[in-house]
Amino acid sequence: MSIVAVFNTKPYDREYLSRAPDTEFISWRFHEFRLSAETASAAAGAQSVCLFVNDIADRTCLEILESLGVKLIALRCAGFNNVDVDAATALGIDVVRVPAYSPHAVAEHTVALLLTLVRKIHRAYNRVREMNFSLSGLVGFELHSKTVGIVGTGKIGKITAEIFRGFGADVLVHDLLPDVEWAAANGLRYEDIDTLLATSDIISLHVPLFAKSWHMLNDKTLAQMRQGVILVNTSRGKLIDTTALITALKSGHVGGVALDVYEEEESVFFEDLSGRMLEDDKLSLLLNFPNVLITSHQAFLTHEALTEIAHVTTTNLRRLESRVAYLPGTTLGDVGPSIDAPPLTWSSSLMNLKILLPFRVFAETTNVSHIVAETSEGSFGLLPHRLDCVAALVPGILTYETEAEGEFFVAVDEGVLVKTGSEVLVSARRALRGGDLAQLRASVEKEFLTLDKNEKSMRTAIAKLEVGFLHRFVAFTHE
């Protein structure tokens, strides 16, 4: 059983982490306070800690975690500027993150913020609730034919650009590593940053926070922009110099701002301060501008994103315990699962899976890192180092993953699962393969669960006989 200390926990964190597959092998310790050098002692007894964007894992904090025996920091977010990755590597602590939980969530929130701001929907909403149906002061503008500048064309930036293109906007993009083929295919064009700033009616930021991107929007760059430009930032708060932004808003040079992040958000966002005075003077001033719209870092907050965050986070937490390589693309620094053991690769400890139907082999796969059986009666999982076992299967979804080909989903009818060493055998009456989980779940309900009473009784009796036989068979193979 792996013990994980989760810091800065909100109700949705508890809900989604607790119901992720294979969480029966994890003992969660949820803490509502943030991680810092002052609170790091709360990780005592845990092999891993799970952090969010406002937890602070600096060298001092990391040294305390290392002394407590913590082996892994699992960030349930994409950003990692709050972790001293070099210090963690030097101390032998692995760091993993969720690099792309749902780029659509952030991209869609970006456009929602902008539309709310420029069409003044938030102001109209408040008026109507007070029985004020006047339209005075609510004139907005259309996105069609406007020039939109997208700074950063990673996954989120690309999706945002494509959405704006769908509105009929002229979209300019900028990135240090341009994807020219993607731009051409979507009717976009790359420009240097100076041209983008000078010619865009709307500018949206989608870049990570590094030393070179800190305050990329400042007095100088804001002055390069068109009079009345609209700015959107759903990326990192410190990309914008707040003092310079306030000056540009006061002068009217910046026509409006939509923010989901803020330079000094750490002491404010994610907390209920409704009964207190706001001590941050700059944020207080921003909130009083009629042409500024702020949400508190909620762009990621969708069911789909939280599900993916929980899946990636718990998978990496389990892989530490089983000493299997972390999910590709999630590691930071020079890392590899290590519990007083040399770094392992995918091929060092994996499983071979065979799925049998009554008259044929349905699937045969090698180098499987994990297997999860999800049913209406609950879920369970197999990792390479799990002890040999036999389990009866009820209709549900079987998920397994290989490094070379990623995840596979199979709907299976009743049957049995046997694990002996690295060999896993699944014998089922019927099976269906597919990439759409919703369709597979519907197939399970329609094809496998719709049985009359007599057939259910017969299948239950047969399953008991099969499991009893296989238990005896496994015992015999070990004698």
Protein backbone atom coordinates (compact mmCIF):
# COMPACT_ATOMS: atom_id res chain seq x y z
CA MET A 1 0.00 0.00 0.00
CA SER A 2 1.43 3.34 -1.10
CA ILE A 3 0.89 6.36 1.18
CA VAL A 4 0.42 9.68 -0.62
CA ALA A 5 0.19 13.09 1.07
CA VAL A 6 -2.01 15.41 -1.00
CA PHE A 7 -1.56 19.11 -0.31
CA ASN A 8 -3.81 22.08 -1.12
CA THR A 9 -6.75 19.70 -1.43
CA LYS A 10 -10.15 20.88 -2.63
CA PRO A 11 -13.38 18.81 -2.66
CA TYR A 12 -13.01 18.06 -6.38
CA ASP A 13 -9.47 16.74 -5.78
CA ARG A 14 -10.75 14.26 -3.21
CA GLU A 15 -13.60 13.17 -5.46
CA TYR A 16 -11.61 12.56 -8.64
CA LEU A 17 -8.43 11.14 -7.08
CA SER A 18 -10.39 8.77 -4.84
CA ARG A 19 -12.40 7.28 -7.69
CA ALA A 20 -9.53 6.89 -10.16
CA PRO A 21 -8.75 3.27 -11.17
CA ASP A 22 -6.59 1.24 -8.76
CA THR A 23 -6.90 3.69 -5.88
CA GLU A 24 -7.50 0.75 -3.56
CA PHE A 25 -3.71 0.38 -3.61
CA ILE A 26 -3.20 3.98 -2.45
CA SER A 27 -3.72 5.37 1.04
CA TRP A 28 -4.59 9.03 0.60
CA ARG A 29 -3.77 11.65 3.22
CA PHE A 30 -5.60 14.79 2.15
CA HIS A 31 -4.42 18.13 3.55
CA GLU A 32 -6.24 21.38 2.84
CA PHE A 33 -3.19 23.53 3.57
CA ARG A 34 -0.44 24.16 1.04
CA LEU A 35 2.98 22.56 1.00
CA SER A 36 5.90 24.71 2.11
CA ALA A 37 8.98 24.27 4.26
CA GLU A 38 6.74 25.01 7.27
CA THR A 39 4.19 22.30 6.44
CA ALA A 40 6.43 19.64 4.86
CA SER A 41 6.48 17.60 8.09
CA ALA A 42 2.89 16.59 7.31
CA ALA A 43 4.36 14.23 4.68
CA ALA A 44 5.91 12.01 7.36
CA GLY A 45 5.33 8.35 6.50
CA ALA A 46 4.39 9.06 2.87
CA GLN A 47 6.35 7.77 -0.12
CA SER A 48 4.89 10.45 -2.41
CA VAL A 49 3.42 13.94 -2.21
CA CYS A 50 0.85 15.34 -4.62
CA LEU A 51 0.98 19.09 -5.28
CA PHE A 52 -0.86 21.84 -7.14
CA VAL A 53 0.23 25.16 -8.66
CA ASN A 54 0.49 27.19 -5.44
CA ASP A 55 2.39 24.66 -3.33
CA ILE A 56 6.03 25.66 -2.84
CA ALA A 57 8.65 22.91 -3.14
CA ASP A 58 11.86 24.92 -2.87
CA ARG A 59 15.20 23.43 -1.82
CA THR A 60 14.51 23.85 1.90
CA CYS A 61 11.16 22.11 1.58
CA LEU A 62 12.65 19.36 -0.60
CA GLU A 63 15.40 18.66 1.92
CA ILE A 64 12.74 18.08 4.58
CA LEU A 65 10.78 15.79 2.24
CA GLU A 66 13.94 13.83 1.41
CA SER A 67 14.70 13.38 5.12
CA LEU A 68 11.18 11.98 5.59
CA GLY A 69 11.73 9.38 2.86
CA VAL A 70 9.61 10.97 0.12
CA LYS A 71 10.56 9.53 -3.28
CA LEU A 72 8.15 11.24 -5.67
CA ILE A 73 6.50 14.62 -6.21
CA ALA A 74 3.41 14.23 -8.40
CA LEU A 75 2.15 17.55 -9.72
CA ARG A 76 -1.54 17.44 -10.62
CA CYS A 77 -1.00 20.25 -13.12
CA ALA A 78 1.17 21.10 -16.13
CA GLY A 79 3.17 24.00 -14.68
CA PHE A 80 6.20 23.28 -12.51
CA ASN A 81 7.78 26.66 -11.75
CA ASN A 82 6.86 26.14 -8.07
CA VAL A 83 9.24 23.15 -7.78
CA ASP A 84 13.03 23.36 -7.70
CA VAL A 85 13.47 20.47 -10.14
CA ASP A 86 17.30 20.60 -10.05
CA ALA A 87 17.32 20.36 -6.27
CA ALA A 88 14.82 17.48 -6.37
CA THR A 89 17.02 15.59 -8.82
CA ALA A 90 20.10 16.15 -6.66
CA LEU A 91 18.20 14.84 -3.63
CA GLY A 92 16.97 11.75 -5.47
CA ILE A 93 13.30 12.82 -5.56
CA ASP A 94 11.47 12.17 -8.83
CA VAL A 95 9.12 14.83 -10.19
CA VAL A 96 6.24 14.10 -12.56
CA ARG A 97 3.41 16.26 -13.86
CA VAL A 98 0.29 16.13 -16.05
CA PRO A 99 1.51 17.83 -19.23
CA ALA A 100 -1.75 17.85 -21.22
CA TYR A 101 -4.76 17.05 -19.05
CA SER A 102 -7.24 18.79 -21.38
CA PRO A 103 -6.04 21.51 -23.71
CA HIS A 104 -9.65 21.94 -24.86
CA ALA A 105 -10.71 22.97 -21.35
CA VAL A 106 -8.27 25.89 -21.22
CA ALA A 107 -8.77 26.90 -24.86
CA GLU A 108 -12.54 26.96 -24.51
CA HIS A 109 -12.33 28.97 -21.27
CA THR A 110 -10.07 31.46 -23.06
CA VAL A 111 -12.69 32.11 -25.71
CA ALA A 112 -15.52 32.13 -23.13
CA LEU A 113 -13.71 34.81 -21.12
CA LEU A 114 -13.13 36.94 -24.19
CA LEU A 115 -16.73 36.68 -25.41
CA THR A 116 -18.04 37.50 -21.94
CA LEU A 117 -15.82 40.58 -21.78
CA VAL A 118 -16.35 42.03 -25.26
CA ARG A 119 -20.12 41.29 -25.33
CA LYS A 120 -20.44 42.45 -21.69
CA ILE A 121 -22.41 39.36 -20.73
CA HIS A 122 -21.34 39.55 -17.07
CA ARG A 123 -22.68 43.09 -16.77
CA ALA A 124 -25.92 42.21 -18.58
CA TYR A 125 -26.41 39.21 -16.27
CA ASN A 126 -26.14 41.36 -13.15
CA ARG A 127 -28.49 44.00 -14.59
CA VAL A 128 -31.24 41.56 -15.49
CA ARG A 129 -31.15 39.98 -12.03
CA GLU A 130 -31.94 43.45 -10.68
CA MET A 131 -34.83 43.85 -13.17
CA ASN A 132 -32.85 46.34 -15.25
CA PHE A 133 -33.50 45.41 -18.88
CA SER A 134 -31.84 48.46 -20.41
CA LEU A 135 -29.21 47.88 -23.11
CA SER A 136 -27.38 51.16 -22.53
CA GLY A 137 -23.65 50.66 -22.18
CA LEU A 138 -23.73 47.06 -23.43
CA VAL A 139 -22.52 47.60 -26.99
CA GLY A 140 -19.83 45.04 -27.84
CA PHE A 141 -18.01 43.97 -30.98
CA GLU A 142 -17.78 40.88 -33.18
CA LEU A 143 -14.79 38.55 -33.43
CA HIS A 144 -15.38 38.05 -37.14
CA SER A 145 -12.72 39.80 -39.24
CA LYS A 146 -10.75 40.89 -36.17
CA THR A 147 -7.03 40.15 -36.00
CA VAL A 148 -6.26 37.76 -33.13
CA GLY A 149 -2.67 37.16 -32.02
CA ILE A 150 -1.85 33.85 -30.32
CA VAL A 151 1.46 33.86 -28.46
CA GLY A 152 2.56 30.24 -28.00
CA THR A 153 1.39 27.36 -30.18
CA GLY A 154 1.60 24.40 -27.90
CA LYS A 155 -1.48 22.20 -27.61
CA ILE A 156 -3.61 24.87 -25.92
CA GLY A 157 -2.45 27.66 -28.20
CA LYS A 158 -3.18 25.62 -31.31
CA ILE A 159 -6.70 24.72 -30.22
CA THR A 160 -7.40 28.33 -29.25
CA ALA A 161 -6.16 29.55 -32.63
CA GLU A 162 -8.38 27.04 -34.44
CA ILE A 163 -11.43 28.16 -32.44
CA PHE A 164 -10.80 31.81 -33.30
CA ARG A 165 -10.35 30.83 -36.94
CA GLY A 166 -13.80 29.26 -36.74
CA PHE A 167 -15.21 32.69 -35.80
CA GLY A 168 -13.81 34.06 -39.04
CA ALA A 169 -10.98 35.96 -37.37
CA ASP A 170 -7.63 36.61 -39.01
CA VAL A 171 -5.30 34.67 -36.70
CA LEU A 172 -1.60 35.42 -36.29
CA VAL A 173 0.56 33.05 -34.27
CA HIS A 174 4.02 33.20 -32.76
CA ASP A 175 6.23 30.50 -31.27
CA LEU A 176 9.96 29.89 -30.92
CA LEU A 177 9.37 26.51 -32.58
CA PRO A 178 6.83 27.20 -35.34
CA ASP A 179 4.69 24.40 -36.77
CA VAL A 180 4.40 25.75 -40.30
CA GLU A 181 2.47 22.76 -41.70
CA TRP A 182 -0.21 23.04 -39.02
CA ALA A 183 -0.53 26.79 -39.62
CA ALA A 184 -0.90 26.36 -43.38
CA ALA A 185 -3.48 23.62 -42.96
CA ASN A 186 -5.60 25.87 -40.72
CA GLY A 187 -5.29 29.14 -42.62
CA LEU A 188 -2.99 30.75 -40.02
CA ARG A 189 0.35 32.46 -40.36
CA TYR A 190 3.37 32.80 -38.12
CA GLU A 191 4.71 36.29 -37.45
CA ASP A 192 7.56 37.69 -35.37
CA ILE A 193 6.48 38.88 -31.94
CA ASP A 194 6.82 42.59 -32.77
CA THR A 195 4.52 42.29 -35.79
CA LEU A 196 1.97 40.29 -33.82
CA LEU A 197 1.89 42.82 -30.98
CA ALA A 198 1.60 45.79 -33.32
CA THR A 199 -1.18 44.44 -35.58
CA SER A 200 -3.49 42.37 -33.34
CA ASP A 201 -6.86 43.58 -32.04
CA ILE A 202 -6.86 40.74 -29.49
CA ILE A 203 -3.81 39.03 -27.98
CA SER A 204 -3.99 35.73 -26.07
CA LEU A 205 -1.05 34.29 -24.13
CA HIS A 206 -0.33 30.53 -24.11
CA VAL A 207 3.30 30.16 -23.03
CA PRO A 208 4.92 28.59 -19.95
CA LEU A 209 6.64 30.68 -17.30
CA PHE A 210 10.41 30.72 -17.60
CA ALA A 211 13.01 33.37 -16.84
CA LYS A 212 12.77 34.68 -20.41
CA SER A 213 8.97 34.85 -20.42
CA TRP A 214 8.62 36.59 -17.02
CA HIS A 215 6.87 39.96 -17.58
CA MET A 216 6.89 39.48 -21.35
CA LEU A 217 4.07 42.02 -21.36
CA ASN A 218 5.56 45.15 -19.78
CA ASP A 219 5.73 48.91 -20.38
CA LYS A 220 7.69 48.44 -23.60
CA THR A 221 5.68 45.62 -25.17
CA LEU A 222 2.32 47.09 -24.12
CA ALA A 223 3.29 50.34 -25.85
CA GLN A 224 3.88 48.42 -29.09
CA MET A 225 0.23 47.30 -29.19
CA ARG A 226 -2.70 48.88 -30.99
CA GLN A 227 -4.79 51.45 -29.17
CA GLY A 228 -7.69 49.63 -27.50
CA VAL A 229 -6.17 46.15 -27.70
CA ILE A 230 -7.88 43.36 -25.74
CA LEU A 231 -5.58 41.04 -23.72
CA VAL A 232 -6.38 37.50 -22.56
CA ASN A 233 -4.18 35.44 -20.25
CA THR A 234 -5.12 31.90 -19.19
CA SER A 235 -1.51 30.74 -18.96
CA ARG A 236 0.67 32.12 -16.14
CA GLY A 237 0.09 35.30 -14.14
CA LYS A 238 3.70 36.42 -14.07
CA LEU A 239 3.79 36.73 -17.86
CA ILE A 240 2.26 40.20 -17.32
CA ASP A 241 3.70 43.10 -15.33
CA THR A 242 0.59 44.08 -13.36
CA THR A 243 1.79 47.61 -12.61
CA ALA A 244 2.41 48.28 -16.31
CA LEU A 245 -0.97 46.76 -17.18
CA ILE A 246 -2.82 49.03 -14.74
CA THR A 247 -1.08 52.08 -16.21
CA ALA A 248 -2.09 51.02 -19.73
CA LEU A 249 -5.69 50.46 -18.63
CA LYS A 250 -5.87 53.88 -16.96
CA SER A 251 -4.60 55.59 -20.10
CA GLY A 252 -7.05 53.71 -22.30
CA HIS A 253 -4.28 52.21 -24.41
CA VAL A 254 -5.44 48.73 -23.38
CA GLY A 255 -9.15 48.44 -24.07
CA GLY A 256 -9.90 45.41 -21.96
CA VAL A 257 -8.36 42.49 -20.09
CA ALA A 258 -9.61 38.94 -19.42
CA LEU A 259 -7.54 36.99 -16.89
CA ASP A 260 -7.75 33.52 -15.42
CA VAL A 261 -4.35 33.95 -13.78
CA TYR A 262 -2.76 36.78 -11.81
CA GLU A 263 0.81 37.68 -10.94
CA GLU A 264 0.36 37.35 -7.17
CA GLU A 265 -2.46 34.82 -7.15
CA GLU A 266 -0.82 32.48 -4.63
CA SER A 267 -2.30 34.25 -1.60
CA VAL A 268 -5.75 34.76 -3.11
CA PHE A 269 -6.91 32.27 -5.72
CA PHE A 270 -8.63 29.00 -4.70
CA GLU A 271 -9.67 30.54 -1.35
CA ASP A 272 -12.99 31.98 -0.12
CA LEU A 273 -12.18 35.54 0.95
CA SER A 274 -15.75 36.83 0.74
CA GLY A 275 -15.82 37.76 4.43
CA ARG A 276 -12.48 39.56 4.47
CA MET A 277 -10.85 42.68 3.11
CA LEU A 278 -8.72 42.06 0.03
CA GLU A 279 -5.19 43.03 1.00
CA ASP A 280 -3.79 42.92 -2.54
CA ASP A 281 -4.12 46.53 -3.73
CA LYS A 282 -3.26 45.77 -7.37
CA LEU A 283 -5.84 43.01 -7.66
CA SER A 284 -8.41 45.19 -5.90
CA LEU A 285 -7.78 47.94 -8.43
CA LEU A 286 -8.05 45.54 -11.38
CA LEU A 287 -11.38 44.24 -10.09
CA ASN A 288 -12.75 47.79 -10.10
CA PHE A 289 -12.08 48.40 -13.80
CA PRO A 290 -15.32 47.91 -15.77
CA ASN A 291 -13.32 46.50 -18.71
CA VAL A 292 -11.48 43.83 -16.70
CA LEU A 293 -12.84 40.31 -16.19
CA ILE A 294 -11.09 37.88 -13.82
CA THR A 295 -11.72 34.25 -12.94
CA SER A 296 -9.65 32.48 -10.30
CA HIS A 297 -7.56 29.96 -12.27
CA GLN A 298 -10.56 27.83 -13.22
CA ALA A 299 -9.81 27.25 -16.91
CA PHE A 300 -8.76 23.65 -16.16
CA LEU A 301 -11.87 22.87 -14.11
CA THR A 302 -13.88 20.47 -16.27
CA HIS A 303 -14.98 16.90 -15.67
CA GLU A 304 -12.81 15.69 -18.53
CA ALA A 305 -9.70 17.49 -17.31
CA LEU A 306 -10.10 16.39 -13.68
CA THR A 307 -10.60 12.79 -14.82
CA GLU A 308 -7.39 12.89 -16.89
CA ILE A 309 -5.43 14.61 -14.09
CA ALA A 310 -6.50 11.90 -11.65
CA HIS A 311 -5.72 9.12 -14.14
CA VAL A 312 -2.20 10.33 -14.98
CA THR A 313 -1.38 11.22 -11.37
CA THR A 314 -2.51 7.92 -9.86
CA THR A 315 -0.87 5.89 -12.64
CA ASN A 316 2.51 7.48 -11.91
CA LEU A 317 2.01 7.04 -8.17
CA ARG A 318 1.39 3.31 -8.71
CA ARG A 319 4.39 3.03 -10.99
CA LEU A 320 6.68 4.30 -8.26
CA GLU A 321 5.51 1.47 -6.01
CA SER A 322 5.90 -1.16 -8.74
CA ARG A 323 9.19 0.36 -9.99
CA VAL A 324 7.99 0.69 -13.57
CA ALA A 325 8.91 3.68 -15.75
CA TYR A 326 6.59 6.67 -15.42
CA LEU A 327 4.18 7.59 -18.18
CA PRO A 328 6.06 8.97 -21.20
CA GLY A 329 6.24 12.76 -21.32
CA THR A 330 5.34 13.29 -17.65
CA THR A 331 8.80 13.37 -16.07
CA LEU A 332 10.87 16.42 -15.15
CA GLY A 333 14.62 16.46 -14.67
CA ASP A 334 16.71 13.29 -14.58
CA VAL A 335 14.19 10.89 -13.07
CA GLY A 336 13.36 7.22 -12.93
CA PRO A 337 11.40 5.12 -10.41
CA SER A 338 13.77 4.30 -7.58
CA ILE A 339 13.22 2.68 -4.23
CA ASP A 340 16.84 1.86 -3.45
CA ALA A 341 16.96 0.24 -6.87
CA PRO A 342 18.58 1.10 -10.20
CA PRO A 343 16.46 2.99 -12.75
CA LEU A 344 14.14 0.69 -14.62
CA THR A 345 12.91 0.79 -18.19
CA TRP A 346 9.62 -0.27 -19.66
CA SER A 347 10.99 -3.64 -20.70
CA SER A 348 12.49 -4.49 -17.29
CA SER A 349 9.24 -5.50 -15.60
CA LEU A 350 6.18 -5.89 -17.78
CA MET A 351 3.38 -8.34 -18.44
CA ASN A 352 2.16 -10.43 -21.35
CA LEU A 353 -1.61 -10.41 -21.86
CA LYS A 354 -3.71 -12.95 -23.76
CA ILE A 355 -7.49 -12.62 -24.14
CA LEU A 356 -9.25 -15.84 -25.11
CA LEU A 357 -12.75 -16.35 -26.47
CA PRO A 358 -14.39 -19.80 -26.66
CA PHE A 359 -13.03 -20.62 -30.12
CA ARG A 360 -10.18 -18.19 -30.78
CA VAL A 361 -7.50 -15.90 -29.42
CA PHE A 362 -9.04 -12.41 -29.35
CA ALA A 363 -5.86 -10.47 -28.46
CA GLU A 364 -2.27 -11.23 -27.52
CA THR A 365 -0.04 -8.36 -26.36
CA THR A 366 3.43 -8.17 -24.83
CA ASN A 367 5.12 -5.46 -22.74
CA VAL A 368 1.93 -4.45 -20.91
CA SER A 369 2.62 -2.01 -18.07
CA HIS A 370 -0.73 -2.20 -16.29
CA ILE A 371 -4.21 -3.65 -16.63
CA VAL A 372 -7.41 -2.20 -15.17
CA ALA A 373 -10.79 -3.96 -15.05
CA GLU A 374 -13.68 -1.50 -14.67
CA THR A 375 -17.14 -2.89 -13.93
CA SER A 376 -20.42 -1.75 -12.42
CA GLU A 377 -19.43 -3.61 -9.25
CA GLY A 378 -16.09 -1.81 -8.87
CA SER A 379 -12.59 -1.71 -10.36
CA PHE A 380 -9.31 -3.48 -9.77
CA GLY A 381 -5.91 -3.33 -11.39
CA LEU A 382 -2.83 -5.39 -12.08
CA LEU A 383 0.75 -4.17 -12.04
CA PRO A 384 3.74 -6.36 -12.97
CA HIS A 385 4.86 -6.88 -9.37
CA ARG A 386 1.47 -7.88 -8.04
CA LEU A 387 1.28 -11.39 -6.60
CA ASP A 388 -0.28 -14.18 -8.65
CA CYS A 389 -4.06 -14.12 -8.48
CA VAL A 390 -7.32 -15.43 -9.93
CA ALA A 391 -10.42 -13.25 -10.30
CA ALA A 392 -13.90 -13.73 -11.67
CA LEU A 393 -14.83 -11.09 -14.24
CA VAL A 394 -18.25 -9.54 -14.60
CA PRO A 395 -19.11 -7.56 -17.75
CA GLY A 396 -17.07 -4.38 -17.99
CA ILE A 397 -14.16 -2.56 -19.62
CA LEU A 398 -10.63 -3.92 -19.66
CA THR A 399 -7.95 -1.23 -20.14
CA TYR A 400 -4.31 -2.06 -20.74
CA GLU A 401 -1.31 -0.05 -21.90
CA THR A 402 1.97 -0.59 -23.71
CA GLU A 403 4.71 1.97 -24.26
CA ALA A 404 4.78 1.47 -28.02
CA GLU A 405 1.05 1.72 -28.72
CA GLY A 406 -0.50 3.42 -25.70
CA GLU A 407 -3.84 2.44 -24.16
CA PHE A 408 -6.28 -0.17 -25.44
CA PHE A 409 -9.92 -0.60 -24.40
CA VAL A 410 -11.82 -3.89 -24.61
CA ALA A 411 -15.38 -4.60 -23.50
CA VAL A 412 -15.52 -8.10 -22.01
CA ASP A 413 -18.37 -10.35 -21.00
CA GLU A 414 -18.26 -12.60 -17.94
CA GLY A 415 -15.13 -14.70 -17.54
CA VAL A 416 -12.01 -15.16 -15.46
CA LEU A 417 -8.61 -13.53 -15.14
CA VAL A 418 -5.48 -15.41 -14.10
CA LYS A 419 -2.09 -13.88 -13.34
CA THR A 420 0.94 -16.16 -12.96
CA GLY A 421 4.23 -14.29 -12.89
CA SER A 422 4.34 -11.95 -15.87
CA GLU A 423 1.64 -13.90 -17.76
CA VAL A 424 -1.96 -12.68 -17.60
CA LEU A 425 -4.73 -14.77 -19.16
CA VAL A 426 -8.27 -13.48 -19.61
CA SER A 427 -10.93 -15.94 -20.70
CA ALA A 428 -14.26 -14.36 -21.61
CA ARG A 429 -17.39 -15.44 -23.45
CA ARG A 430 -17.40 -12.37 -25.69
CA ALA A 431 -15.25 -9.30 -26.26
CA LEU A 432 -15.44 -6.08 -28.26
CA ARG A 433 -12.55 -3.76 -29.11
CA GLY A 434 -12.92 0.01 -29.62
CA GLY A 435 -11.43 3.45 -29.05
CA ASP A 436 -14.62 5.19 -27.90
CA LEU A 437 -15.15 4.45 -24.20
CA ALA A 438 -18.72 5.75 -24.21
CA GLN A 439 -19.67 3.38 -27.03
CA LEU A 440 -17.93 0.46 -25.34
CA ARG A 441 -19.75 1.10 -22.06
CA ALA A 442 -23.03 1.25 -23.98
CA SER A 443 -22.13 -2.07 -25.62
CA VAL A 444 -21.49 -3.66 -22.24
CA GLU A 445 -24.92 -2.53 -21.06
CA LYS A 446 -26.71 -3.62 -24.23
CA GLU A 447 -24.86 -6.78 -25.22
CA PHE A 448 -23.57 -8.27 -21.96
CA LEU A 449 -25.82 -7.12 -19.10
CA THR A 450 -29.25 -7.68 -20.62
CA LEU A 451 -29.90 -11.26 -19.45
CA ASP A 452 -32.97 -13.09 -18.18
CA LYS A 453 -33.04 -14.58 -14.70
CA ASN A 454 -32.29 -18.17 -15.74
CA GLU A 455 -29.29 -17.18 -17.86
CA LYS A 456 -27.87 -15.08 -15.01
CA SER A 457 -28.15 -18.04 -12.60
CA MET A 458 -26.53 -20.41 -15.08
CA ARG A 459 -23.63 -18.02 -15.76
CA THR A 460 -23.02 -17.48 -12.04
CA ALA A 461 -22.81 -21.23 -11.43
CA ILE A 462 -20.40 -21.74 -14.34
CA ALA A 463 -18.21 -18.84 -13.21
CA LYS A 464 -17.90 -20.37 -9.73
CA LEU A 465 -16.86 -23.70 -11.20
CA GLU A 466 -14.28 -22.01 -13.45
CA VAL A 467 -12.75 -20.00 -10.63
CA GLY A 468 -12.57 -23.03 -8.36
CA PHE A 469 -10.83 -25.03 -11.07
CA LEU A 470 -8.36 -22.24 -11.82
CA HIS A 471 -7.52 -21.75 -8.13
CA ARG A 472 -6.61 -25.43 -7.95
CA PHE A 473 -4.69 -25.18 -11.23
CA VAL A 474 -2.61 -22.21 -10.05
CA ALA A 475 -1.87 -23.97 -6.77
CA PHE A 476 -0.78 -27.06 -8.71
CA THR A 477 1.63 -25.03 -10.92
CA HIS A 478 3.37 -23.69 -7.83
CA GLU A 479 3.88 -27.11 -6.20
